[in-house]
Amino acid sequence: SVTMLAWGAIEFSKEMTDLNQIGHTLRAIKWGTDYF
């Protein structure tokens, strides 16, 4: 799940930023990677 979220953030960073979702996405990724 974290792999797919991260690639979403990589491929669609502009679109996520325009939608004000990049912060939520990066926090979702980091919640998993901190645990790893």
Full PDB file with SEQRES, HELIX, SHEET, SSBOND, CRYST1, ORIGX, SCALE, CONECT and MASTER records, all heavy atoms in Angstrom:
SEQRES   1 A   36  SER VAL THR MET LEU ALA TRP GLY ALA ILE GLU PHE SER          
SEQRES   2 A   36  LYS GLU MET THR ASP LEU ASN GLN ILE GLY HIS THR LEU          
SEQRES   3 A   36  ARG ALA ILE LYS TRP GLY THR ASP TYR PHE                      
HELIX    1 AA1 VAL A    2  GLU A   11  1                                  10    
HELIX    2 AA2 SER A   13  ASP A   18  1                                   6    
HELIX    3 AA3 ILE A   22  TYR A   35  1                                  14    
CRYST1    1.000    1.000    1.000  90.00  90.00  90.00 P 1           1          
ORIGX1      1.000000  0.000000  0.000000        0.00000                         
ORIGX2      0.000000  1.000000  0.000000        0.00000                         
ORIGX3      0.000000  0.000000  1.000000        0.00000                         
SCALE1      1.000000  0.000000  0.000000        0.00000                         
SCALE2      0.000000  1.000000  0.000000        0.00000                         
SCALE3      0.000000  0.000000  1.000000        0.00000                         
ATOM      1  N   SER A   1       0.823  -1.203   0.000  1.00  0.00           N  
ATOM      2  CA  SER A   1       0.000   0.000   0.000  1.00  0.00           C  
ATOM      3  C   SER A   1       0.861   1.259   0.000  1.00  0.00           C  
ATOM      4  O   SER A   1       0.592   2.221  -0.731  1.00  0.00           O  
ATOM      5  CB  SER A   1      -0.927   0.003   1.223  1.00  0.00           C  
ATOM      6  OG  SER A   1      -1.801  -1.100   1.200  1.00  0.00           O  
ATOM      7  N   VAL A   2       1.907   1.263   0.815  1.00  0.00           N  
ATOM      8  CA  VAL A   2       2.797   2.422   0.872  1.00  0.00           C  
ATOM      9  C   VAL A   2       3.546   2.593  -0.452  1.00  0.00           C  
ATOM     10  O   VAL A   2       3.755   3.721  -0.924  1.00  0.00           O  
ATOM     11  CB  VAL A   2       3.781   2.294   2.055  1.00  0.00           C  
ATOM     12  CG1 VAL A   2       4.858   3.366   1.992  1.00  0.00           C  
ATOM     13  CG2 VAL A   2       3.026   2.388   3.376  1.00  0.00           C  
ATOM     14  N   THR A   3       3.944   1.491  -1.068  1.00  0.00           N  
ATOM     15  CA  THR A   3       4.597   1.572  -2.375  1.00  0.00           C  
ATOM     16  C   THR A   3       3.704   2.264  -3.390  1.00  0.00           C  
ATOM     17  O   THR A   3       4.132   3.175  -4.117  1.00  0.00           O  
ATOM     18  CB  THR A   3       4.952   0.164  -2.896  1.00  0.00           C  
ATOM     19  OG1 THR A   3       5.797  -0.503  -1.958  1.00  0.00           O  
ATOM     20  CG2 THR A   3       5.660   0.238  -4.247  1.00  0.00           C  
ATOM     21  N   MET A   4       2.437   1.860  -3.446  1.00  0.00           N  
ATOM     22  CA  MET A   4       1.515   2.432  -4.415  1.00  0.00           C  
ATOM     23  C   MET A   4       1.195   3.891  -4.106  1.00  0.00           C  
ATOM     24  O   MET A   4       1.091   4.726  -5.012  1.00  0.00           O  
ATOM     25  CB  MET A   4       0.235   1.601  -4.466  1.00  0.00           C  
ATOM     26  CG  MET A   4       0.455   0.158  -4.905  1.00  0.00           C  
ATOM     27  SD  MET A   4       1.247   0.034  -6.533  1.00  0.00           S  
ATOM     28  CE  MET A   4      -0.102   0.554  -7.600  1.00  0.00           C  
ATOM     29  N   LEU A   5       1.030   4.205  -2.824  1.00  0.00           N  
ATOM     30  CA  LEU A   5       0.809   5.602  -2.444  1.00  0.00           C  
ATOM     31  C   LEU A   5       1.989   6.477  -2.863  1.00  0.00           C  
ATOM     32  O   LEU A   5       1.813   7.587  -3.372  1.00  0.00           O  
ATOM     33  CB  LEU A   5       0.606   5.705  -0.936  1.00  0.00           C  
ATOM     34  CG  LEU A   5      -0.798   5.477  -0.379  1.00  0.00           C  
ATOM     35  CD1 LEU A   5      -0.761   5.507   1.143  1.00  0.00           C  
ATOM     36  CD2 LEU A   5      -1.764   6.517  -0.897  1.00  0.00           C  
ATOM     37  N   ALA A   6       3.195   5.970  -2.614  1.00  0.00           N  
ATOM     38  CA  ALA A   6       4.384   6.742  -2.950  1.00  0.00           C  
ATOM     39  C   ALA A   6       4.485   6.980  -4.452  1.00  0.00           C  
ATOM     40  O   ALA A   6       4.798   8.093  -4.900  1.00  0.00           O  
ATOM     41  CB  ALA A   6       5.636   6.034  -2.434  1.00  0.00           C  
ATOM     42  N   TRP A   7       4.195   5.950  -5.259  1.00  0.00           N  
ATOM     43  CA  TRP A   7       4.269   6.150  -6.707  1.00  0.00           C  
ATOM     44  C   TRP A   7       3.177   7.083  -7.187  1.00  0.00           C  
ATOM     45  O   TRP A   7       3.354   7.819  -8.167  1.00  0.00           O  
ATOM     46  CB  TRP A   7       4.210   4.811  -7.442  1.00  0.00           C  
ATOM     47  CG  TRP A   7       5.564   4.187  -7.516  1.00  0.00           C  
ATOM     48  CD1 TRP A   7       6.004   3.067  -6.897  1.00  0.00           C  
ATOM     49  CD2 TRP A   7       6.702   4.708  -8.226  1.00  0.00           C  
ATOM     50  NE1 TRP A   7       7.329   2.846  -7.162  1.00  0.00           N  
ATOM     51  CE2 TRP A   7       7.782   3.834  -7.981  1.00  0.00           C  
ATOM     52  CE3 TRP A   7       6.904   5.830  -9.034  1.00  0.00           C  
ATOM     53  CZ2 TRP A   7       9.047   4.062  -8.530  1.00  0.00           C  
ATOM     54  CZ3 TRP A   7       8.170   6.047  -9.573  1.00  0.00           C  
ATOM     55  CH2 TRP A   7       9.212   5.154  -9.319  1.00  0.00           C  
ATOM     56  N   GLY A   8       2.028   7.075  -6.509  1.00  0.00           N  
ATOM     57  CA  GLY A   8       0.998   8.055  -6.839  1.00  0.00           C  
ATOM     58  C   GLY A   8       1.486   9.465  -6.597  1.00  0.00           C  
ATOM     59  O   GLY A   8       1.267  10.368  -7.410  1.00  0.00           O  
ATOM     60  N   ALA A   9       2.175   9.662  -5.465  1.00  0.00           N  
ATOM     61  CA  ALA A   9       2.710  10.988  -5.136  1.00  0.00           C  
ATOM     62  C   ALA A   9       3.802  11.414  -6.109  1.00  0.00           C  
ATOM     63  O   ALA A   9       3.951  12.600  -6.405  1.00  0.00           O  
ATOM     64  CB  ALA A   9       3.249  10.986  -3.711  1.00  0.00           C  
ATOM     65  N   ILE A  10       4.566  10.441  -6.608  1.00  0.00           N  
ATOM     66  CA  ILE A  10       5.636  10.751  -7.566  1.00  0.00           C  
ATOM     67  C   ILE A  10       5.043  11.128  -8.933  1.00  0.00           C  
ATOM     68  O   ILE A  10       5.396  12.146  -9.528  1.00  0.00           O  
ATOM     69  CB  ILE A  10       6.584   9.547  -7.717  1.00  0.00           C  
ATOM     70  CG1 ILE A  10       7.321   9.279  -6.407  1.00  0.00           C  
ATOM     71  CG2 ILE A  10       7.571   9.783  -8.860  1.00  0.00           C  
ATOM     72  CD1 ILE A  10       7.982   7.914  -6.346  1.00  0.00           C  
ATOM     73  N   GLU A  11       4.137  10.311  -9.432  1.00  0.00           N  
ATOM     74  CA  GLU A  11       3.602  10.497 -10.779  1.00  0.00           C  
ATOM     75  C   GLU A  11       2.615  11.657 -10.876  1.00  0.00           C  
ATOM     76  O   GLU A  11       2.476  12.280 -11.934  1.00  0.00           O  
ATOM     77  CB  GLU A  11       2.925   9.200 -11.247  1.00  0.00           C  
ATOM     78  CG  GLU A  11       3.864   8.027 -11.429  1.00  0.00           C  
ATOM     79  CD  GLU A  11       4.809   8.207 -12.606  1.00  0.00           C  
ATOM     80  OE1 GLU A  11       4.462   8.964 -13.537  1.00  0.00           O  
ATOM     81  OE2 GLU A  11       5.893   7.606 -12.597  1.00  0.00           O  
ATOM     82  N   PHE A  12       1.900  11.939  -9.785  1.00  0.00           N  
ATOM     83  CA  PHE A  12       0.828  12.941  -9.849  1.00  0.00           C  
ATOM     84  C   PHE A  12       1.000  14.014  -8.785  1.00  0.00           C  
ATOM     85  O   PHE A  12       0.026  14.506  -8.217  1.00  0.00           O  
ATOM     86  CB  PHE A  12      -0.531  12.246  -9.690  1.00  0.00           C  
ATOM     87  CG  PHE A  12      -0.805  11.206 -10.734  1.00  0.00           C  
ATOM     88  CD1 PHE A  12      -0.656   9.860 -10.445  1.00  0.00           C  
ATOM     89  CD2 PHE A  12      -1.177  11.563 -12.012  1.00  0.00           C  
ATOM     90  CE1 PHE A  12      -0.902   8.889 -11.394  1.00  0.00           C  
ATOM     91  CE2 PHE A  12      -1.422  10.609 -12.980  1.00  0.00           C  
ATOM     92  CZ  PHE A  12      -1.277   9.268 -12.673  1.00  0.00           C  
ATOM     93  N   SER A  13       2.233  14.404  -8.529  1.00  0.00           N  
ATOM     94  CA  SER A  13       2.485  15.399  -7.484  1.00  0.00           C  
ATOM     95  C   SER A  13       1.816  16.736  -7.804  1.00  0.00           C  
ATOM     96  O   SER A  13       1.265  17.389  -6.906  1.00  0.00           O  
ATOM     97  CB  SER A  13       3.988  15.590  -7.276  1.00  0.00           C  
ATOM     98  OG  SER A  13       4.605  16.035  -8.477  1.00  0.00           O  
ATOM     99  N   LYS A  14       1.847  17.155  -9.055  1.00  0.00           N  
ATOM    100  CA  LYS A  14       1.226  18.426  -9.426  1.00  0.00           C  
ATOM    101  C   LYS A  14      -0.275  18.378  -9.212  1.00  0.00           C  
ATOM    102  O   LYS A  14      -0.872  19.308  -8.645  1.00  0.00           O  
ATOM    103  CB  LYS A  14       1.527  18.765 -10.884  1.00  0.00           C  
ATOM    104  CG  LYS A  14       0.920  20.104 -11.321  1.00  0.00           C  
ATOM    105  CD  LYS A  14       1.166  20.373 -12.778  1.00  0.00           C  
ATOM    106  CE  LYS A  14       0.595  21.756 -13.179  1.00  0.00           C  
ATOM    107  NZ  LYS A  14      -0.862  21.841 -12.911  1.00  0.00           N  
ATOM    108  N   GLU A  15      -0.893  17.295  -9.682  1.00  0.00           N  
ATOM    109  CA  GLU A  15      -2.342  17.183  -9.536  1.00  0.00           C  
ATOM    110  C   GLU A  15      -2.746  17.122  -8.064  1.00  0.00           C  
ATOM    111  O   GLU A  15      -3.731  17.739  -7.642  1.00  0.00           O  
ATOM    112  CB  GLU A  15      -2.854  15.934 -10.268  1.00  0.00           C  
ATOM    113  CG  GLU A  15      -2.787  16.017 -11.781  1.00  0.00           C  
ATOM    114  CD  GLU A  15      -1.413  15.664 -12.342  1.00  0.00           C  
ATOM    115  OE1 GLU A  15      -0.476  15.434 -11.550  1.00  0.00           O  
ATOM    116  OE2 GLU A  15      -1.288  15.608 -13.577  1.00  0.00           O  
ATOM    117  N   MET A  16      -1.978  16.386  -7.272  1.00  0.00           N  
ATOM    118  CA  MET A  16      -2.277  16.295  -5.839  1.00  0.00           C  
ATOM    119  C   MET A  16      -2.082  17.648  -5.159  1.00  0.00           C  
ATOM    120  O   MET A  16      -2.860  18.023  -4.273  1.00  0.00           O  
ATOM    121  CB  MET A  16      -1.389  15.243  -5.179  1.00  0.00           C  
ATOM    122  CG  MET A  16      -1.775  13.819  -5.488  1.00  0.00           C  
ATOM    123  SD  MET A  16      -0.700  12.655  -4.606  1.00  0.00           S  
ATOM    124  CE  MET A  16      -1.606  11.124  -4.862  1.00  0.00           C  
ATOM    125  N   THR A  17      -1.054  18.367  -5.574  1.00  0.00           N  
ATOM    126  CA  THR A  17      -0.818  19.697  -5.007  1.00  0.00           C  
ATOM    127  C   THR A  17      -1.960  20.638  -5.362  1.00  0.00           C  
ATOM    128  O   THR A  17      -2.449  21.392  -4.508  1.00  0.00           O  
ATOM    129  CB  THR A  17       0.515  20.264  -5.514  1.00  0.00           C  
ATOM    130  OG1 THR A  17       1.584  19.389  -5.144  1.00  0.00           O  
ATOM    131  CG2 THR A  17       0.777  21.643  -4.925  1.00  0.00           C  
ATOM    132  N   ASP A  18      -2.406  20.593  -6.614  1.00  0.00           N  
ATOM    133  CA  ASP A  18      -3.517  21.446  -7.047  1.00  0.00           C  
ATOM    134  C   ASP A  18      -4.790  21.147  -6.272  1.00  0.00           C  
ATOM    135  O   ASP A  18      -5.616  22.040  -6.045  1.00  0.00           O  
ATOM    136  CB  ASP A  18      -3.772  21.265  -8.549  1.00  0.00           C  
ATOM    137  CG  ASP A  18      -2.639  21.817  -9.406  1.00  0.00           C  
ATOM    138  OD1 ASP A  18      -1.821  22.599  -8.876  1.00  0.00           O  
ATOM    139  OD2 ASP A  18      -2.570  21.449 -10.592  1.00  0.00           O  
ATOM    140  N   LEU A  19      -4.960  19.897  -5.861  1.00  0.00           N  
ATOM    141  CA  LEU A  19      -6.157  19.487  -5.110  1.00  0.00           C  
ATOM    142  C   LEU A  19      -5.964  19.632  -3.601  1.00  0.00           C  
ATOM    143  O   LEU A  19      -6.838  19.246  -2.831  1.00  0.00           O  
ATOM    144  CB  LEU A  19      -6.491  18.023  -5.433  1.00  0.00           C  
ATOM    145  CG  LEU A  19      -7.013  17.747  -6.832  1.00  0.00           C  
ATOM    146  CD1 LEU A  19      -7.035  16.246  -7.107  1.00  0.00           C  
ATOM    147  CD2 LEU A  19      -8.401  18.347  -7.025  1.00  0.00           C  
ATOM    148  N   ASN A  20      -4.802  20.152  -3.195  1.00  0.00           N  
ATOM    149  CA  ASN A  20      -4.485  20.317  -1.776  1.00  0.00           C  
ATOM    150  C   ASN A  20      -4.476  18.968  -1.047  1.00  0.00           C  
ATOM    151  O   ASN A  20      -4.910  18.865   0.108  1.00  0.00           O  
ATOM    152  CB  ASN A  20      -5.478  21.274  -1.099  1.00  0.00           C  
ATOM    153  CG  ASN A  20      -4.954  21.800   0.237  1.00  0.00           C  
ATOM    154  OD1 ASN A  20      -3.738  21.949   0.418  1.00  0.00           O  
ATOM    155  ND2 ASN A  20      -5.849  22.068   1.161  1.00  0.00           N  
ATOM    156  N   GLN A  21      -3.971  17.933  -1.729  1.00  0.00           N  
ATOM    157  CA  GLN A  21      -3.933  16.586  -1.151  1.00  0.00           C  
ATOM    158  C   GLN A  21      -2.512  16.056  -0.978  1.00  0.00           C  
ATOM    159  O   GLN A  21      -2.336  14.983  -0.410  1.00  0.00           O  
ATOM    160  CB  GLN A  21      -4.727  15.614  -2.028  1.00  0.00           C  
ATOM    161  CG  GLN A  21      -6.213  15.879  -2.072  1.00  0.00           C  
ATOM    162  CD  GLN A  21      -6.883  15.707  -0.722  1.00  0.00           C  
ATOM    163  OE1 GLN A  21      -6.494  14.856   0.071  1.00  0.00           O  
ATOM    164  NE2 GLN A  21      -7.872  16.538  -0.447  1.00  0.00           N  
ATOM    165  N   ILE A  22      -1.509  16.768  -1.443  1.00  0.00           N  
ATOM    166  CA  ILE A  22      -0.155  16.222  -1.363  1.00  0.00           C  
ATOM    167  C   ILE A  22       0.298  16.089   0.086  1.00  0.00           C  
ATOM    168  O   ILE A  22       1.003  15.134   0.444  1.00  0.00           O  
ATOM    169  CB  ILE A  22       0.843  17.099  -2.172  1.00  0.00           C  
ATOM    170  CG1 ILE A  22       2.189  16.381  -2.306  1.00  0.00           C  
ATOM    171  CG2 ILE A  22       1.001  18.474  -1.562  1.00  0.00           C  
ATOM    172  CD1 ILE A  22       2.150  15.123  -3.129  1.00  0.00           C  
ATOM    173  N   GLY A  23      -0.109  17.004   0.950  1.00  0.00           N  
ATOM    174  CA  GLY A  23       0.261  16.902   2.362  1.00  0.00           C  
ATOM    175  C   GLY A  23      -0.338  15.676   3.017  1.00  0.00           C  
ATOM    176  O   GLY A  23       0.356  14.943   3.733  1.00  0.00           O  
ATOM    177  N   HIS A  24      -1.622  15.443   2.767  1.00  0.00           N  
ATOM    178  CA  HIS A  24      -2.276  14.255   3.325  1.00  0.00           C  
ATOM    179  C   HIS A  24      -1.632  12.981   2.790  1.00  0.00           C  
ATOM    180  O   HIS A  24      -1.465  11.992   3.517  1.00  0.00           O  
ATOM    181  CB  HIS A  24      -3.772  14.260   2.985  1.00  0.00           C  
ATOM    182  CG  HIS A  24      -4.538  15.393   3.603  1.00  0.00           C  
ATOM    183  ND1 HIS A  24      -4.426  15.716   4.940  1.00  0.00           N  
ATOM    184  CD2 HIS A  24      -5.433  16.267   3.069  1.00  0.00           C  
ATOM    185  CE1 HIS A  24      -5.220  16.754   5.204  1.00  0.00           C  
ATOM    186  NE2 HIS A  24      -5.831  17.103   4.087  1.00  0.00           N  
ATOM    187  N   THR A  25      -1.266  12.991   1.509  1.00  0.00           N  
ATOM    188  CA  THR A  25      -0.652  11.806   0.901  1.00  0.00           C  
ATOM    189  C   THR A  25       0.715  11.521   1.512  1.00  0.00           C  
ATOM    190  O   THR A  25       1.021  10.372   1.864  1.00  0.00           O  
ATOM    191  CB  THR A  25      -0.520  12.006  -0.621  1.00  0.00           C  
ATOM    192  OG1 THR A  25      -1.800  12.280  -1.183  1.00  0.00           O  
ATOM    193  CG2 THR A  25       0.060  10.756  -1.272  1.00  0.00           C  
ATOM    194  N   LEU A  26       1.538  12.545   1.651  1.00  0.00           N  
ATOM    195  CA  LEU A  26       2.869  12.353   2.229  1.00  0.00           C  
ATOM    196  C   LEU A  26       2.779  11.911   3.691  1.00  0.00           C  
ATOM    197  O   LEU A  26       3.574  11.078   4.145  1.00  0.00           O  
ATOM    198  CB  LEU A  26       3.689  13.634   2.110  1.00  0.00           C  
ATOM    199  CG  LEU A  26       4.105  14.032   0.694  1.00  0.00           C  
ATOM    200  CD1 LEU A  26       4.782  15.402   0.701  1.00  0.00           C  
ATOM    201  CD2 LEU A  26       5.023  12.978   0.076  1.00  0.00           C  
ATOM    202  N   ARG A  27       1.809  12.427   4.415  1.00  0.00           N  
ATOM    203  CA  ARG A  27       1.638  11.992   5.808  1.00  0.00           C  
ATOM    204  C   ARG A  27       1.192  10.536   5.875  1.00  0.00           C  
ATOM    205  O   ARG A  27       1.597   9.792   6.778  1.00  0.00           O  
ATOM    206  CB  ARG A  27       0.660  12.920   6.533  1.00  0.00           C  
ATOM    207  CG  ARG A  27       1.274  14.260   6.927  1.00  0.00           C  
ATOM    208  CD  ARG A  27       0.370  15.052   7.824  1.00  0.00           C  
ATOM    209  NE  ARG A  27      -0.745  15.644   7.109  1.00  0.00           N  
ATOM    210  CZ  ARG A  27      -0.709  16.835   6.525  1.00  0.00           C  
ATOM    211  NH1 ARG A  27       0.405  17.561   6.556  1.00  0.00           N  
ATOM    212  NH2 ARG A  27      -1.772  17.323   5.902  1.00  0.00           N  
ATOM    213  N   ALA A  28       0.339  10.127   4.933  1.00  0.00           N  
ATOM    214  CA  ALA A  28      -0.079   8.718   4.892  1.00  0.00           C  
ATOM    215  C   ALA A  28       1.107   7.809   4.596  1.00  0.00           C  
ATOM    216  O   ALA A  28       1.246   6.723   5.177  1.00  0.00           O  
ATOM    217  CB  ALA A  28      -1.171   8.532   3.831  1.00  0.00           C  
ATOM    218  N   ILE A  29       1.965   8.232   3.685  1.00  0.00           N  
ATOM    219  CA  ILE A  29       3.165   7.460   3.372  1.00  0.00           C  
ATOM    220  C   ILE A  29       4.079   7.380   4.584  1.00  0.00           C  
ATOM    221  O   ILE A  29       4.564   6.307   4.954  1.00  0.00           O  
ATOM    222  CB  ILE A  29       3.908   8.099   2.181  1.00  0.00           C  
ATOM    223  CG1 ILE A  29       3.058   8.021   0.909  1.00  0.00           C  
ATOM    224  CG2 ILE A  29       5.258   7.413   1.949  1.00  0.00           C  
ATOM    225  CD1 ILE A  29       3.572   8.888  -0.226  1.00  0.00           C  
ATOM    226  N   LYS A  30       4.314   8.526   5.211  1.00  0.00           N  
ATOM    227  CA  LYS A  30       5.253   8.585   6.336  1.00  0.00           C  
ATOM    228  C   LYS A  30       4.772   7.777   7.529  1.00  0.00           C  
ATOM    229  O   LYS A  30       5.582   7.224   8.287  1.00  0.00           O  
ATOM    230  CB  LYS A  30       5.481  10.044   6.746  1.00  0.00           C  
ATOM    231  CG  LYS A  30       6.645  10.248   7.718  1.00  0.00           C  
ATOM    232  CD  LYS A  30       6.925  11.729   7.918  1.00  0.00           C  
ATOM    233  CE  LYS A  30       8.181  11.938   8.783  1.00  0.00           C  
ATOM    234  NZ  LYS A  30       8.023  11.434  10.157  1.00  0.00           N  
ATOM    235  N   TRP A  31       3.451   7.681   7.716  1.00  0.00           N  
ATOM    236  CA  TRP A  31       2.946   6.860   8.814  1.00  0.00           C  
ATOM    237  C   TRP A  31       3.379   5.403   8.628  1.00  0.00           C  
ATOM    238  O   TRP A  31       3.676   4.697   9.594  1.00  0.00           O  
ATOM    239  CB  TRP A  31       1.426   6.956   8.908  1.00  0.00           C  
ATOM    240  CG  TRP A  31       0.901   6.480  10.225  1.00  0.00           C  
ATOM    241  CD1 TRP A  31       0.433   5.223  10.519  1.00  0.00           C  
ATOM    242  CD2 TRP A  31       0.811   7.231  11.442  1.00  0.00           C  
ATOM    243  NE1 TRP A  31       0.050   5.151  11.838  1.00  0.00           N  
ATOM    244  CE2 TRP A  31       0.275   6.372  12.428  1.00  0.00           C  
ATOM    245  CE3 TRP A  31       1.133   8.538  11.784  1.00  0.00           C  
ATOM    246  CZ2 TRP A  31       0.054   6.790  13.741  1.00  0.00           C  
ATOM    247  CZ3 TRP A  31       0.914   8.961  13.084  1.00  0.00           C  
ATOM    248  CH2 TRP A  31       0.381   8.089  14.038  1.00  0.00           C  
ATOM    249  N   GLY A  32       3.436   4.967   7.379  1.00  0.00           N  
ATOM    250  CA  GLY A  32       3.903   3.614   7.108  1.00  0.00           C  
ATOM    251  C   GLY A  32       5.409   3.492   7.157  1.00  0.00           C  
ATOM    252  O   GLY A  32       5.948   2.549   7.757  1.00  0.00           O  
ATOM    253  N   THR A  33       6.135   4.436   6.571  1.00  0.00           N  
ATOM    254  CA  THR A  33       7.592   4.309   6.520  1.00  0.00           C  
ATOM    255  C   THR A  33       8.237   4.507   7.897  1.00  0.00           C  
ATOM    256  O   THR A  33       9.258   3.886   8.180  1.00  0.00           O  
ATOM    257  CB  THR A  33       8.196   5.301   5.507  1.00  0.00           C  
ATOM    258  OG1 THR A  33       7.723   6.629   5.773  1.00  0.00           O  
ATOM    259  CG2 THR A  33       7.804   4.911   4.092  1.00  0.00           C  
ATOM    260  N   ASP A  34       7.666   5.356   8.729  1.00  0.00           N  
ATOM    261  CA  ASP A  34       8.178   5.475  10.103  1.00  0.00           C  
ATOM    262  C   ASP A  34       8.117   4.127  10.806  1.00  0.00           C  
ATOM    263  O   ASP A  34       9.040   3.749  11.548  1.00  0.00           O  
ATOM    264  CB  ASP A  34       7.361   6.497  10.897  1.00  0.00           C  
ATOM    265  CG  ASP A  34       7.722   7.937  10.560  1.00  0.00           C  
ATOM    266  OD1 ASP A  34       8.724   8.159   9.850  1.00  0.00           O  
ATOM    267  OD2 ASP A  34       7.001   8.841  11.022  1.00  0.00           O  
ATOM    268  N   TYR A  35       7.039   3.410  10.561  1.00  0.00           N  
ATOM    269  CA  TYR A  35       6.875   2.085  11.167  1.00  0.00           C  
ATOM    270  C   TYR A  35       7.886   1.092  10.599  1.00  0.00           C  
ATOM    271  O   TYR A  35       8.480   0.296  11.336  1.00  0.00           O  
ATOM    272  CB  TYR A  35       5.450   1.588  10.940  1.00  0.00           C  
ATOM    273  CG  TYR A  35       5.207   0.183  11.408  1.00  0.00           C  
ATOM    274  CD1 TYR A  35       5.166  -0.122  12.772  1.00  0.00           C  
ATOM    275  CD2 TYR A  35       5.007  -0.846  10.494  1.00  0.00           C  
ATOM    276  CE1 TYR A  35       4.934  -1.421  13.207  1.00  0.00           C  
ATOM    277  CE2 TYR A  35       4.778  -2.135  10.920  1.00  0.00           C  
ATOM    278  CZ  TYR A  35       4.741  -2.427  12.277  1.00  0.00           C  
ATOM    279  OH  TYR A  35       4.534  -3.718  12.705  1.00  0.00           O  
ATOM    280  N   PHE A  36       8.113   1.137   9.294  1.00  0.00           N  
ATOM    281  CA  PHE A  36       9.094   0.230   8.682  1.00  0.00           C  
ATOM    282  C   PHE A  36      10.492   0.457   9.253  1.00  0.00           C  
ATOM    283  O   PHE A  36      11.241  -0.502   9.473  1.00  0.00           O  
ATOM    284  CB  PHE A  36       9.127   0.413   7.168  1.00  0.00           C  
ATOM    285  CG  PHE A  36       7.853   0.043   6.470  1.00  0.00           C  
ATOM    286  CD1 PHE A  36       7.457   0.721   5.331  1.00  0.00           C  
ATOM    287  CD2 PHE A  36       7.057  -0.973   6.945  1.00  0.00           C  
ATOM    288  CE1 PHE A  36       6.285   0.380   4.690  1.00  0.00           C  
ATOM    289  CE2 PHE A  36       5.873  -1.321   6.301  1.00  0.00           C  
ATOM    290  CZ  PHE A  36       5.489  -0.630   5.167  1.00  0.00           C  
TER     291      PHE A  36                                                      
MASTER        0    0    0    3    0    0    0    6  290    1    0    3          
END                                                                             
